[in-house]
Amino acid sequence: MTPFGVKIRALRSERGITQKQMARAIGVSPAYLSALEHGHRGQPSWELLQRIIGFFNIIWDDAEELQRLASVSHPRVTIDTAGLSPEATALANNLARSIAALKKDDIKRLQSALDEAG
């Protein structure tokens, strides 16, 4: 699942809404909504994101947070290291090879280090 998918599922669950009900209301198929929640689809379009925000009647900071989650929820990421150092290229390749084996705590530590650097 993606961070966006987890949030959408949580919002549906809090409100007692099924995928089928939500899908019908925002104009997508239940299969597409399921794929979006499970990370089998890329980021939602801006228009779809606005329909989701409207569906849940989300405002201000919560809407911004949902937009942020959508922006970091593409399930297939490409890292272009052209023009970067050999170390950066090696890091990107090592991460691609190893990410599935990382534990949650390892991921949190790496994310924290990246947040500090950027």
PDB file of N, CA and C in Angstrom:
ATOM      1  N   MET A   1       0.835  -1.194   0.000  1.00  0.00           N
ATOM      2  CA  MET A   1       0.000   0.000   0.000  1.00  0.00           C
ATOM      3  C   MET A   1       0.874   1.250   0.000  1.00  0.00           C
ATOM      4  N   THR A   2       0.296   2.320  -0.465  1.00  0.00           N
ATOM      5  CA  THR A   2       0.980   3.600  -0.469  1.00  0.00           C
ATOM      6  C   THR A   2       0.484   4.439   0.710  1.00  0.00           C
ATOM      7  N   PRO A   3       1.223   5.489   1.090  1.00  0.00           N
ATOM      8  CA  PRO A   3       0.717   6.366   2.156  1.00  0.00           C
ATOM      9  C   PRO A   3      -0.661   6.946   1.821  1.00  0.00           C
ATOM     10  N   PHE A   4      -0.866   7.291   0.557  1.00  0.00           N
ATOM     11  CA  PHE A   4      -2.162   7.811   0.121  1.00  0.00           C
ATOM     12  C   PHE A   4      -3.239   6.736   0.257  1.00  0.00           C
ATOM     13  N   GLY A   5      -2.938   5.525  -0.164  1.00  0.00           N
ATOM     14  CA  GLY A   5      -3.903   4.426  -0.067  1.00  0.00           C
ATOM     15  C   GLY A   5      -4.296   4.122   1.364  1.00  0.00           C
ATOM     16  N   VAL A   6      -3.316   4.150   2.260  1.00  0.00           N
ATOM     17  CA  VAL A   6      -3.596   3.908   3.683  1.00  0.00           C
ATOM     18  C   VAL A   6      -4.547   4.977   4.219  1.00  0.00           C
ATOM     19  N   LYS A   7      -4.294   6.231   3.848  1.00  0.00           N
ATOM     20  CA  LYS A   7      -5.131   7.342   4.329  1.00  0.00           C
ATOM     21  C   LYS A   7      -6.549   7.234   3.781  1.00  0.00           C
ATOM     22  N   ILE A   8      -6.682   6.934   2.495  1.00  0.00           N
ATOM     23  CA  ILE A   8      -8.011   6.800   1.891  1.00  0.00           C
ATOM     24  C   ILE A   8      -8.793   5.675   2.565  1.00  0.00           C
ATOM     25  N   ARG A   9      -8.132   4.553   2.764  1.00  0.00           N
ATOM     26  CA  ARG A   9      -8.798   3.425   3.429  1.00  0.00           C
ATOM     27  C   ARG A   9      -9.230   3.806   4.845  1.00  0.00           C
ATOM     28  N   ALA A  10      -8.366   4.531   5.566  1.00  0.00           N
ATOM     29  CA  ALA A  10      -8.701   4.953   6.934  1.00  0.00           C
ATOM     30  C   ALA A  10      -9.900   5.907   6.929  1.00  0.00           C
ATOM     31  N   LEU A  11      -9.908   6.849   6.000  1.00  0.00           N
ATOM     32  CA  LEU A  11     -11.036   7.783   5.909  1.00  0.00           C
ATOM     33  C   LEU A  11     -12.339   7.045   5.602  1.00  0.00           C
ATOM     34  N   ARG A  12     -12.279   6.086   4.688  1.00  0.00           N
ATOM     35  CA  ARG A  12     -13.481   5.299   4.368  1.00  0.00           C
ATOM     36  C   ARG A  12     -13.959   4.533   5.587  1.00  0.00           C
ATOM     37  N   SER A  13     -13.003   3.895   6.273  1.00  0.00           N
ATOM     38  CA  SER A  13     -13.332   3.082   7.440  1.00  0.00           C
ATOM     39  C   SER A  13     -13.957   3.934   8.547  1.00  0.00           C
ATOM     40  N   GLU A  14     -13.376   5.109   8.815  1.00  0.00           N
ATOM     41  CA  GLU A  14     -13.898   6.008   9.854  1.00  0.00           C
ATOM     42  C   GLU A  14     -15.337   6.403   9.577  1.00  0.00           C
ATOM     43  N   ARG A  15     -15.675   6.510   8.303  1.00  0.00           N
ATOM     44  CA  ARG A  15     -17.003   6.983   7.921  1.00  0.00           C
ATOM     45  C   ARG A  15     -17.952   5.850   7.527  1.00  0.00           C
ATOM     46  N   GLY A  16     -17.465   4.617   7.577  1.00  0.00           N
ATOM     47  CA  GLY A  16     -18.303   3.465   7.240  1.00  0.00           C
ATOM     48  C   GLY A  16     -18.710   3.414   5.783  1.00  0.00           C
ATOM     49  N   ILE A  17     -17.795   3.802   4.897  1.00  0.00           N
ATOM     50  CA  ILE A  17     -18.074   3.859   3.466  1.00  0.00           C
ATOM     51  C   ILE A  17     -17.366   2.703   2.759  1.00  0.00           C
ATOM     52  N   THR A  18     -18.059   2.021   1.894  1.00  0.00           N
ATOM     53  CA  THR A  18     -17.444   0.929   1.136  1.00  0.00           C
ATOM     54  C   THR A  18     -16.706   1.493  -0.078  1.00  0.00           C
ATOM     55  N   GLN A  19     -15.814   0.674  -0.629  1.00  0.00           N
ATOM     56  CA  GLN A  19     -15.129   1.075  -1.860  1.00  0.00           C
ATOM     57  C   GLN A  19     -16.146   1.318  -2.967  1.00  0.00           C
ATOM     58  N   LYS A  20     -17.131   0.469  -3.047  1.00  0.00           N
ATOM     59  CA  LYS A  20     -18.144   0.589  -4.099  1.00  0.00           C
ATOM     60  C   LYS A  20     -18.893   1.916  -3.992  1.00  0.00           C
ATOM     61  N   GLN A  21     -19.272   2.296  -2.772  1.00  0.00           N
ATOM     62  CA  GLN A  21     -19.980   3.559  -2.569  1.00  0.00           C
ATOM     63  C   GLN A  21     -19.095   4.748  -2.961  1.00  0.00           C
ATOM     64  N   MET A  22     -17.858   4.715  -2.496  1.00  0.00           N
ATOM     65  CA  MET A  22     -16.951   5.822  -2.791  1.00  0.00           C
ATOM     66  C   MET A  22     -16.646   5.896  -4.277  1.00  0.00           C
ATOM     67  N   ALA A  23     -16.379   4.755  -4.873  1.00  0.00           N
ATOM     68  CA  ALA A  23     -16.052   4.727  -6.301  1.00  0.00           C
ATOM     69  C   ALA A  23     -17.182   5.337  -7.127  1.00  0.00           C
ATOM     70  N   ARG A  24     -18.394   4.953  -6.819  1.00  0.00           N
ATOM     71  CA  ARG A  24     -19.551   5.486  -7.548  1.00  0.00           C
ATOM     72  C   ARG A  24     -19.623   7.003  -7.376  1.00  0.00           C
ATOM     73  N   ALA A  25     -19.392   7.481  -6.160  1.00  0.00           N
ATOM     74  CA  ALA A  25     -19.515   8.912  -5.871  1.00  0.00           C
ATOM     75  C   ALA A  25     -18.436   9.754  -6.548  1.00  0.00           C
ATOM     76  N   ILE A  26     -17.229   9.199  -6.716  1.00  0.00           N
ATOM     77  CA  ILE A  26     -16.140   9.995  -7.314  1.00  0.00           C
ATOM     78  C   ILE A  26     -15.929   9.677  -8.796  1.00  0.00           C
ATOM     79  N   GLY A  27     -16.736   8.758  -9.339  1.00  0.00           N
ATOM     80  CA  GLY A  27     -16.711   8.500 -10.769  1.00  0.00           C
ATOM     81  C   GLY A  27     -15.613   7.585 -11.262  1.00  0.00           C
ATOM     82  N   VAL A  28     -15.232   6.611 -10.432  1.00  0.00           N
ATOM     83  CA  VAL A  28     -14.264   5.598 -10.865  1.00  0.00           C
ATOM     84  C   VAL A  28     -14.849   4.220 -10.576  1.00  0.00           C
ATOM     85  N   SER A  29     -14.220   3.196 -11.103  1.00  0.00           N
ATOM     86  CA  SER A  29     -14.692   1.839 -10.820  1.00  0.00           C
ATOM     87  C   SER A  29     -14.178   1.394  -9.448  1.00  0.00           C
ATOM     88  N   PRO A  30     -14.908   0.485  -8.803  1.00  0.00           N
ATOM     89  CA  PRO A  30     -14.410  -0.055  -7.540  1.00  0.00           C
ATOM     90  C   PRO A  30     -13.041  -0.722  -7.709  1.00  0.00           C
ATOM     91  N   ALA A  31     -12.807  -1.350  -8.860  1.00  0.00           N
ATOM     92  CA  ALA A  31     -11.502  -2.000  -9.105  1.00  0.00           C
ATOM     93  C   ALA A  31     -10.388  -0.963  -9.160  1.00  0.00           C
ATOM     94  N   TYR A  32     -10.662   0.185  -9.791  1.00  0.00           N
ATOM     95  CA  TYR A  32      -9.645   1.242  -9.854  1.00  0.00           C
ATOM     96  C   TYR A  32      -9.366   1.789  -8.462  1.00  0.00           C
ATOM     97  N   LEU A  33     -10.409   2.039  -7.682  1.00  0.00           N
ATOM     98  CA  LEU A  33     -10.219   2.558  -6.324  1.00  0.00           C
ATOM     99  C   LEU A  33      -9.427   1.567  -5.484  1.00  0.00           C
ATOM    100  N   SER A  34      -9.732   0.289  -5.608  1.00  0.00           N
ATOM    101  CA  SER A  34      -8.986  -0.736  -4.884  1.00  0.00           C
ATOM    102  C   SER A  34      -7.517  -0.723  -5.295  1.00  0.00           C
ATOM    103  N   ALA A  35      -7.261  -0.637  -6.598  1.00  0.00           N
ATOM    104  CA  ALA A  35      -5.881  -0.600  -7.089  1.00  0.00           C
ATOM    105  C   ALA A  35      -5.157   0.651  -6.593  1.00  0.00           C
ATOM    106  N   LEU A  36      -5.846   1.770  -6.523  1.00  0.00           N
ATOM    107  CA  LEU A  36      -5.257   3.009  -6.023  1.00  0.00           C
ATOM    108  C   LEU A  36      -4.896   2.861  -4.548  1.00  0.00           C
ATOM    109  N   GLU A  37      -5.799   2.285  -3.767  1.00  0.00           N
ATOM    110  CA  GLU A  37      -5.541   2.079  -2.346  1.00  0.00           C
ATOM    111  C   GLU A  37      -4.379   1.120  -2.117  1.00  0.00           C
ATOM    112  N   HIS A  38      -4.268   0.084  -2.942  1.00  0.00           N
ATOM    113  CA  HIS A  38      -3.233  -0.931  -2.743  1.00  0.00           C
ATOM    114  C   HIS A  38      -1.901  -0.606  -3.412  1.00  0.00           C
ATOM    115  N   GLY A  39      -1.823   0.534  -4.085  1.00  0.00           N
ATOM    116  CA  GLY A  39      -0.562   0.927  -4.705  1.00  0.00           C
ATOM    117  C   GLY A  39      -0.292   0.274  -6.042  1.00  0.00           C
ATOM    118  N   HIS A  40      -1.345  -0.215  -6.683  1.00  0.00           N
ATOM    119  CA  HIS A  40      -1.176  -0.813  -8.006  1.00  0.00           C
ATOM    120  C   HIS A  40      -1.436   0.207  -9.113  1.00  0.00           C
ATOM    121  N   ARG A  41      -1.791   1.406  -8.724  1.00  0.00           N
ATOM    122  CA  ARG A  41      -1.973   2.523  -9.655  1.00  0.00           C
ATOM    123  C   ARG A  41      -1.080   3.656  -9.190  1.00  0.00           C
ATOM    124  N   GLY A  42      -0.714   4.497 -10.111  1.00  0.00           N
ATOM    125  CA  GLY A  42       0.127   5.644  -9.771  1.00  0.00           C
ATOM    126  C   GLY A  42      -0.645   6.684  -8.987  1.00  0.00           C
ATOM    127  N   GLN A  43      -0.046   7.840  -8.878  1.00  0.00           N
ATOM    128  CA  GLN A  43      -0.682   8.930  -8.156  1.00  0.00           C
ATOM    129  C   GLN A  43      -2.001   9.302  -8.840  1.00  0.00           C
ATOM    130  N   PRO A  44      -2.988   9.698  -8.051  1.00  0.00           N
ATOM    131  CA  PRO A  44      -4.236  10.137  -8.669  1.00  0.00           C
ATOM    132  C   PRO A  44      -4.015  11.475  -9.385  1.00  0.00           C
ATOM    133  N   SER A  45      -4.793  11.715 -10.408  1.00  0.00           N
ATOM    134  CA  SER A  45      -4.718  13.011 -11.091  1.00  0.00           C
ATOM    135  C   SER A  45      -5.181  14.099 -10.129  1.00  0.00           C
ATOM    136  N   TRP A  46      -4.848  15.352 -10.472  1.00  0.00           N
ATOM    137  CA  TRP A  46      -5.273  16.477  -9.646  1.00  0.00           C
ATOM    138  C   TRP A  46      -6.792  16.517  -9.567  1.00  0.00           C
ATOM    139  N   GLU A  47      -7.449  16.269 -10.693  1.00  0.00           N
ATOM    140  CA  GLU A  47      -8.918  16.295 -10.723  1.00  0.00           C
ATOM    141  C   GLU A  47      -9.513  15.220  -9.821  1.00  0.00           C
ATOM    142  N   LEU A  48      -8.968  14.004  -9.886  1.00  0.00           N
ATOM    143  CA  LEU A  48      -9.477  12.930  -9.030  1.00  0.00           C
ATOM    144  C   LEU A  48      -9.204  13.249  -7.568  1.00  0.00           C
ATOM    145  N   LEU A  49      -8.037  13.775  -7.286  1.00  0.00           N
ATOM    146  CA  LEU A  49      -7.705  14.145  -5.909  1.00  0.00           C
ATOM    147  C   LEU A  49      -8.708  15.178  -5.387  1.00  0.00           C
ATOM    148  N   GLN A  50      -9.086  16.140  -6.211  1.00  0.00           N
ATOM    149  CA  GLN A  50     -10.066  17.144  -5.797  1.00  0.00           C
ATOM    150  C   GLN A  50     -11.440  16.512  -5.552  1.00  0.00           C
ATOM    151  N   ARG A  51     -11.807  15.526  -6.360  1.00  0.00           N
ATOM    152  CA  ARG A  51     -13.090  14.831  -6.139  1.00  0.00           C
ATOM    153  C   ARG A  51     -13.054  14.061  -4.818  1.00  0.00           C
ATOM    154  N   ILE A  52     -11.907  13.456  -4.506  1.00  0.00           N
ATOM    155  CA  ILE A  52     -11.767  12.710  -3.241  1.00  0.00           C
ATOM    156  C   ILE A  52     -11.849  13.670  -2.063  1.00  0.00           C
ATOM    157  N   ILE A  53     -11.157  14.797  -2.162  1.00  0.00           N
ATOM    158  CA  ILE A  53     -11.200  15.801  -1.094  1.00  0.00           C
ATOM    159  C   ILE A  53     -12.639  16.289  -0.893  1.00  0.00           C
ATOM    160  N   GLY A  54     -13.331  16.538  -1.992  1.00  0.00           N
ATOM    161  CA  GLY A  54     -14.725  16.959  -1.901  1.00  0.00           C
ATOM    162  C   GLY A  54     -15.628  15.881  -1.329  1.00  0.00           C
ATOM    163  N   PHE A  55     -15.394  14.637  -1.726  1.00  0.00           N
ATOM    164  CA  PHE A  55     -16.203  13.521  -1.245  1.00  0.00           C
ATOM    165  C   PHE A  55     -16.138  13.412   0.275  1.00  0.00           C
ATOM    166  N   PHE A  56     -14.925  13.554   0.817  1.00  0.00           N
ATOM    167  CA  PHE A  56     -14.756  13.447   2.267  1.00  0.00           C
ATOM    168  C   PHE A  56     -14.985  14.784   2.977  1.00  0.00           C
ATOM    169  N   ASN A  57     -15.266  15.843   2.194  1.00  0.00           N
ATOM    170  CA  ASN A  57     -15.483  17.172   2.758  1.00  0.00           C
ATOM    171  C   ASN A  57     -14.289  17.593   3.621  1.00  0.00           C
ATOM    172  N   ILE A  58     -13.109  17.430   3.056  1.00  0.00           N
ATOM    173  CA  ILE A  58     -11.865  17.747   3.754  1.00  0.00           C
ATOM    174  C   ILE A  58     -11.481  19.189   3.424  1.00  0.00           C
ATOM    175  N   ILE A  59     -11.043  19.929   4.425  1.00  0.00           N
ATOM    176  CA  ILE A  59     -10.652  21.319   4.194  1.00  0.00           C
ATOM    177  C   ILE A  59      -9.255  21.604   4.734  1.00  0.00           C
ATOM    178  N   TRP A  60      -8.689  22.688   4.260  1.00  0.00           N
ATOM    179  CA  TRP A  60      -7.434  23.284   4.688  1.00  0.00           C
ATOM    180  C   TRP A  60      -6.285  22.307   4.885  1.00  0.00           C
ATOM    181  N   ASP A  61      -5.808  22.225   6.140  1.00  0.00           N
ATOM    182  CA  ASP A  61      -4.613  21.432   6.415  1.00  0.00           C
ATOM    183  C   ASP A  61      -4.794  19.962   6.066  1.00  0.00           C
ATOM    184  N   ASP A  62      -5.981  19.429   6.314  1.00  0.00           N
ATOM    185  CA  ASP A  62      -6.224  18.020   5.994  1.00  0.00           C
ATOM    186  C   ASP A  62      -6.185  17.785   4.478  1.00  0.00           C
ATOM    187  N   ALA A  63      -6.692  18.746   3.722  1.00  0.00           N
ATOM    188  CA  ALA A  63      -6.639  18.632   2.258  1.00  0.00           C
ATOM    189  C   ALA A  63      -5.195  18.720   1.775  1.00  0.00           C
ATOM    190  N   GLU A  64      -4.420  19.619   2.354  1.00  0.00           N
ATOM    191  CA  GLU A  64      -3.005  19.738   1.991  1.00  0.00           C
ATOM    192  C   GLU A  64      -2.244  18.452   2.320  1.00  0.00           C
ATOM    193  N   GLU A  65      -2.562  17.855   3.458  1.00  0.00           N
ATOM    194  CA  GLU A  65      -1.907  16.606   3.850  1.00  0.00           C
ATOM    195  C   GLU A  65      -2.258  15.489   2.876  1.00  0.00           C
ATOM    196  N   LEU A  66      -3.505  15.418   2.450  1.00  0.00           N
ATOM    197  CA  LEU A  66      -3.904  14.393   1.488  1.00  0.00           C
ATOM    198  C   LEU A  66      -3.183  14.614   0.154  1.00  0.00           C
ATOM    199  N   GLN A  67      -3.036  15.866  -0.258  1.00  0.00           N
ATOM    200  CA  GLN A  67      -2.293  16.179  -1.483  1.00  0.00           C
ATOM    201  C   GLN A  67      -0.829  15.781  -1.338  1.00  0.00           C
ATOM    202  N   ARG A  68      -0.250  16.032  -0.162  1.00  0.00           N
ATOM    203  CA  ARG A  68       1.153  15.651   0.078  1.00  0.00           C
ATOM    204  C   ARG A  68       1.307  14.135   0.020  1.00  0.00           C
ATOM    205  N   LEU A  69       0.387  13.420   0.639  1.00  0.00           N
ATOM    206  CA  LEU A  69       0.451  11.958   0.613  1.00  0.00           C
ATOM    207  C   LEU A  69       0.347  11.435  -0.814  1.00  0.00           C
ATOM    208  N   ALA A  70      -0.516  12.040  -1.606  1.00  0.00           N
ATOM    209  CA  ALA A  70      -0.639  11.627  -3.011  1.00  0.00           C
ATOM    210  C   ALA A  70       0.671  11.857  -3.742  1.00  0.00           C
ATOM    211  N   SER A  71       1.351  12.959  -3.441  1.00  0.00           N
ATOM    212  CA  SER A  71       2.589  13.288  -4.155  1.00  0.00           C
ATOM    213  C   SER A  71       3.741  12.339  -3.818  1.00  0.00           C
ATOM    214  N   VAL A  72       3.667  11.664  -2.688  1.00  0.00           N
ATOM    215  CA  VAL A  72       4.737  10.731  -2.309  1.00  0.00           C
ATOM    216  C   VAL A  72       4.282   9.277  -2.409  1.00  0.00           C
ATOM    217  N   SER A  73       3.253   9.035  -3.208  1.00  0.00           N
ATOM    218  CA  SER A  73       2.675   7.694  -3.255  1.00  0.00           C
ATOM    219  C   SER A  73       2.754   7.012  -4.608  1.00  0.00           C
ATOM    220  N   HIS A  74       3.653   7.433  -5.452  1.00  0.00           N
ATOM    221  CA  HIS A  74       3.800   6.723  -6.722  1.00  0.00           C
ATOM    222  C   HIS A  74       4.486   5.392  -6.431  1.00  0.00           C
ATOM    223  N   PRO A  75       3.871   4.260  -6.794  1.00  0.00           N
ATOM    224  CA  PRO A  75       4.429   2.965  -6.410  1.00  0.00           C
ATOM    225  C   PRO A  75       5.666   2.531  -7.204  1.00  0.00           C
ATOM    226  N   ARG A  76       5.945   3.184  -8.322  1.00  0.00           N
ATOM    227  CA  ARG A  76       7.110   2.819  -9.128  1.00  0.00           C
ATOM    228  C   ARG A  76       7.937   4.074  -9.365  1.00  0.00           C
ATOM    229  N   VAL A  77       9.009   4.168  -8.623  1.00  0.00           N
ATOM    230  CA  VAL A  77       9.826   5.370  -8.636  1.00  0.00           C
ATOM    231  C   VAL A  77      11.073   5.139  -9.478  1.00  0.00           C
ATOM    232  N   THR A  78      11.442   6.141 -10.268  1.00  0.00           N
ATOM    233  CA  THR A  78      12.675   6.115 -11.037  1.00  0.00           C
ATOM    234  C   THR A  78      13.584   7.201 -10.497  1.00  0.00           C
ATOM    235  N   ILE A  79      14.816   6.852 -10.235  1.00  0.00           N
ATOM    236  CA  ILE A  79      15.790   7.828  -9.751  1.00  0.00           C
ATOM    237  C   ILE A  79      16.814   8.059 -10.846  1.00  0.00           C
ATOM    238  N   ASP A  80      16.877   9.285 -11.339  1.00  0.00           N
ATOM    239  CA  ASP A  80      17.820   9.655 -12.390  1.00  0.00           C
ATOM    240  C   ASP A  80      19.099  10.166 -11.730  1.00  0.00           C
ATOM    241  N   THR A  81      20.158   9.407 -11.826  1.00  0.00           N
ATOM    242  CA  THR A  81      21.428   9.813 -11.221  1.00  0.00           C
ATOM    243  C   THR A  81      22.416  10.326 -12.263  1.00  0.00           C
ATOM    244  N   ALA A  82      21.941  10.548 -13.484  1.00  0.00           N
ATOM    245  CA  ALA A  82      22.820  11.082 -14.522  1.00  0.00           C
ATOM    246  C   ALA A  82      23.394  12.415 -14.051  1.00  0.00           C
ATOM    247  N   GLY A  83      24.698  12.547 -14.132  1.00  0.00           N
ATOM    248  CA  GLY A  83      25.356  13.778 -13.725  1.00  0.00           C
ATOM    249  C   GLY A  83      25.677  13.853 -12.251  1.00  0.00           C
ATOM    250  N   LEU A  84      25.260  12.861 -11.489  1.00  0.00           N
ATOM    251  CA  LEU A  84      25.592  12.837 -10.062  1.00  0.00           C
ATOM    252  C   LEU A  84      26.858  12.019  -9.842  1.00  0.00           C
ATOM    253  N   SER A  85      27.315  11.997  -8.628  1.00  0.00           N
ATOM    254  CA  SER A  85      28.544  11.273  -8.314  1.00  0.00           C
ATOM    255  C   SER A  85      28.338   9.764  -8.429  1.00  0.00           C
ATOM    256  N   PRO A  86      29.434   9.023  -8.594  1.00  0.00           N
ATOM    257  CA  PRO A  86      29.326   7.555  -8.596  1.00  0.00           C
ATOM    258  C   PRO A  86      28.733   7.037  -7.290  1.00  0.00           C
ATOM    259  N   GLU A  87      29.013   7.717  -6.195  1.00  0.00           N
ATOM    260  CA  GLU A  87      28.477   7.296  -4.897  1.00  0.00           C
ATOM    261  C   GLU A  87      26.952   7.423  -4.870  1.00  0.00           C
ATOM    262  N   ALA A  88      26.434   8.489  -5.474  1.00  0.00           N
ATOM    263  CA  ALA A  88      24.981   8.675  -5.523  1.00  0.00           C
ATOM    264  C   ALA A  88      24.321   7.582  -6.362  1.00  0.00           C
ATOM    265  N   THR A  89      24.957   7.239  -7.482  1.00  0.00           N
ATOM    266  CA  THR A  89      24.430   6.174  -8.331  1.00  0.00           C
ATOM    267  C   THR A  89      24.459   4.841  -7.605  1.00  0.00           C
ATOM    268  N   ALA A  90      25.547   4.565  -6.910  1.00  0.00           N
ATOM    269  CA  ALA A  90      25.656   3.315  -6.145  1.00  0.00           C
ATOM    270  C   ALA A  90      24.595   3.265  -5.048  1.00  0.00           C
ATOM    271  N   LEU A  91      24.367   4.388  -4.371  1.00  0.00           N
ATOM    272  CA  LEU A  91      23.350   4.443  -3.325  1.00  0.00           C
ATOM    273  C   LEU A  91      21.959   4.153  -3.895  1.00  0.00           C
ATOM    274  N   ALA A  92      21.620   4.782  -5.016  1.00  0.00           N
ATOM    275  CA  ALA A  92      20.312   4.569  -5.633  1.00  0.00           C
ATOM    276  C   ALA A  92      20.123   3.103  -6.016  1.00  0.00           C
ATOM    277  N   ASN A  93      21.154   2.504  -6.591  1.00  0.00           N
ATOM    278  CA  ASN A  93      21.062   1.095  -6.981  1.00  0.00           C
ATOM    279  C   ASN A  93      20.971   0.179  -5.770  1.00  0.00           C
ATOM    280  N   ASN A  94      21.722   0.485  -4.733  1.00  0.00           N
ATOM    281  CA  ASN A  94      21.685  -0.319  -3.516  1.00  0.00           C
ATOM    282  C   ASN A  94      20.310  -0.226  -2.855  1.00  0.00           C
ATOM    283  N   LEU A  95      19.743   0.964  -2.824  1.00  0.00           N
ATOM    284  CA  LEU A  95      18.407   1.130  -2.252  1.00  0.00           C
ATOM    285  C   LEU A  95      17.379   0.331  -3.050  1.00  0.00           C
ATOM    286  N   ALA A  96      17.457   0.407  -4.376  1.00  0.00           N
ATOM    287  CA  ALA A  96      16.521  -0.343  -5.219  1.00  0.00           C
ATOM    288  C   ALA A  96      16.623  -1.845  -4.962  1.00  0.00           C
ATOM    289  N   ARG A  97      17.835  -2.323  -4.770  1.00  0.00           N
ATOM    290  CA  ARG A  97      18.054  -3.745  -4.527  1.00  0.00           C
ATOM    291  C   ARG A  97      17.606  -4.171  -3.133  1.00  0.00           C
ATOM    292  N   SER A  98      17.754  -3.292  -2.157  1.00  0.00           N
ATOM    293  CA  SER A  98      17.593  -3.673  -0.753  1.00  0.00           C
ATOM    294  C   SER A  98      16.305  -3.226  -0.086  1.00  0.00           C
ATOM    295  N   ILE A  99      15.537  -2.376  -0.712  1.00  0.00           N
ATOM    296  CA  ILE A  99      14.404  -1.748  -0.016  1.00  0.00           C
ATOM    297  C   ILE A  99      13.394  -2.768   0.518  1.00  0.00           C
ATOM    298  N   ALA A 100      13.172  -3.836  -0.194  1.00  0.00           N
ATOM    299  CA  ALA A 100      12.187  -4.831   0.260  1.00  0.00           C
ATOM    300  C   ALA A 100      12.608  -5.526   1.547  1.00  0.00           C
ATOM    301  N   ALA A 101      13.898  -5.567   1.823  1.00  0.00           N
ATOM    302  CA  ALA A 101      14.393  -6.254   3.009  1.00  0.00           C
ATOM    303  C   ALA A 101      14.514  -5.331   4.226  1.00  0.00           C
ATOM    304  N   LEU A 102      14.315  -4.030   4.027  1.00  0.00           N
ATOM    305  CA  LEU A 102      14.464  -3.092   5.136  1.00  0.00           C
ATOM    306  C   LEU A 102      13.320  -3.220   6.126  1.00  0.00           C
ATOM    307  N   LYS A 103      13.649  -3.115   7.392  1.00  0.00           N
ATOM    308  CA  LYS A 103      12.645  -3.122   8.450  1.00  0.00           C
ATOM    309  C   LYS A 103      12.121  -1.701   8.634  1.00  0.00           C
ATOM    310  N   LYS A 104      10.956  -1.569   9.277  1.00  0.00           N
ATOM    311  CA  LYS A 104      10.344  -0.253   9.480  1.00  0.00           C
ATOM    312  C   LYS A 104      11.294   0.728  10.160  1.00  0.00           C
ATOM    313  N   ASP A 105      12.014   0.268  11.179  1.00  0.00           N
ATOM    314  CA  ASP A 105      12.935   1.156  11.889  1.00  0.00           C
ATOM    315  C   ASP A 105      14.061   1.635  10.979  1.00  0.00           C
ATOM    316  N   ASP A 106      14.554   0.741  10.105  1.00  0.00           N
ATOM    317  CA  ASP A 106      15.594   1.128   9.152  1.00  0.00           C
ATOM    318  C   ASP A 106      15.069   2.200   8.201  1.00  0.00           C
ATOM    319  N   ILE A 107      13.850   2.016   7.732  1.00  0.00           N
ATOM    320  CA  ILE A 107      13.244   2.975   6.812  1.00  0.00           C
ATOM    321  C   ILE A 107      13.076   4.326   7.498  1.00  0.00           C
ATOM    322  N   LYS A 108      12.624   4.307   8.739  1.00  0.00           N
ATOM    323  CA  LYS A 108      12.449   5.561   9.478  1.00  0.00           C
ATOM    324  C   LYS A 108      13.781   6.286   9.652  1.00  0.00           C
ATOM    325  N   ARG A 109      14.845   5.540   9.956  1.00  0.00           N
ATOM    326  CA  ARG A 109      16.173   6.160  10.112  1.00  0.00           C
ATOM    327  C   ARG A 109      16.652   6.767   8.800  1.00  0.00           C
ATOM    328  N   LEU A 110      16.489   6.029   7.709  1.00  0.00           N
ATOM    329  CA  LEU A 110      16.888   6.555   6.399  1.00  0.00           C
ATOM    330  C   LEU A 110      16.060   7.783   6.041  1.00  0.00           C
ATOM    331  N   GLN A 111      14.762   7.733   6.279  1.00  0.00           N
ATOM    332  CA  GLN A 111      13.893   8.879   5.976  1.00  0.00           C
ATOM    333  C   GLN A 111      14.306  10.094   6.798  1.00  0.00           C
ATOM    334  N   SER A 112      14.623   9.871   8.053  1.00  0.00           N
ATOM    335  CA  SER A 112      15.053  10.965   8.917  1.00  0.00           C
ATOM    336  C   SER A 112      16.344  11.600   8.406  1.00  0.00           C
ATOM    337  N   ALA A 113      17.289  10.763   7.998  1.00  0.00           N
ATOM    338  CA  ALA A 113      18.563  11.269   7.450  1.00  0.00           C
ATOM    339  C   ALA A 113      18.313  12.063   6.159  1.00  0.00           C
ATOM    340  N   LEU A 114      17.422  11.586   5.320  1.00  0.00           N
ATOM    341  CA  LEU A 114      17.109  12.290   4.077  1.00  0.00           C
ATOM    342  C   LEU A 114      16.400  13.612   4.358  1.00  0.00           C
ATOM    343  N   ASP A 115      15.494  13.604   5.328  1.00  0.00           N
ATOM    344  CA  ASP A 115      14.796  14.839   5.701  1.00  0.00           C
ATOM    345  C   ASP A 115      15.783  15.890   6.205  1.00  0.00           C
ATOM    346  N   GLU A 116      16.758  15.462   6.998  1.00  0.00           N
ATOM    347  CA  GLU A 116      17.773  16.390   7.521  1.00  0.00           C
ATOM    348  C   GLU A 116      18.644  16.951   6.401  1.00  0.00           C
ATOM    349  N   ALA A 117      18.929  16.130   5.398  1.00  0.00           N
ATOM    350  CA  ALA A 117      19.808  16.546   4.310  1.00  0.00           C
ATOM    351  C   ALA A 117      19.104  17.478   3.331  1.00  0.00           C
ATOM    352  N   GLY A 118      17.792  17.357   3.239  1.00  0.00           N
ATOM    353  CA  GLY A 118      17.130  18.076   2.171  1.00  0.00           C
ATOM    354  C   GLY A 118      16.205  19.117   2.547  1.00  0.00           C
TER     355      GLY A 118
END
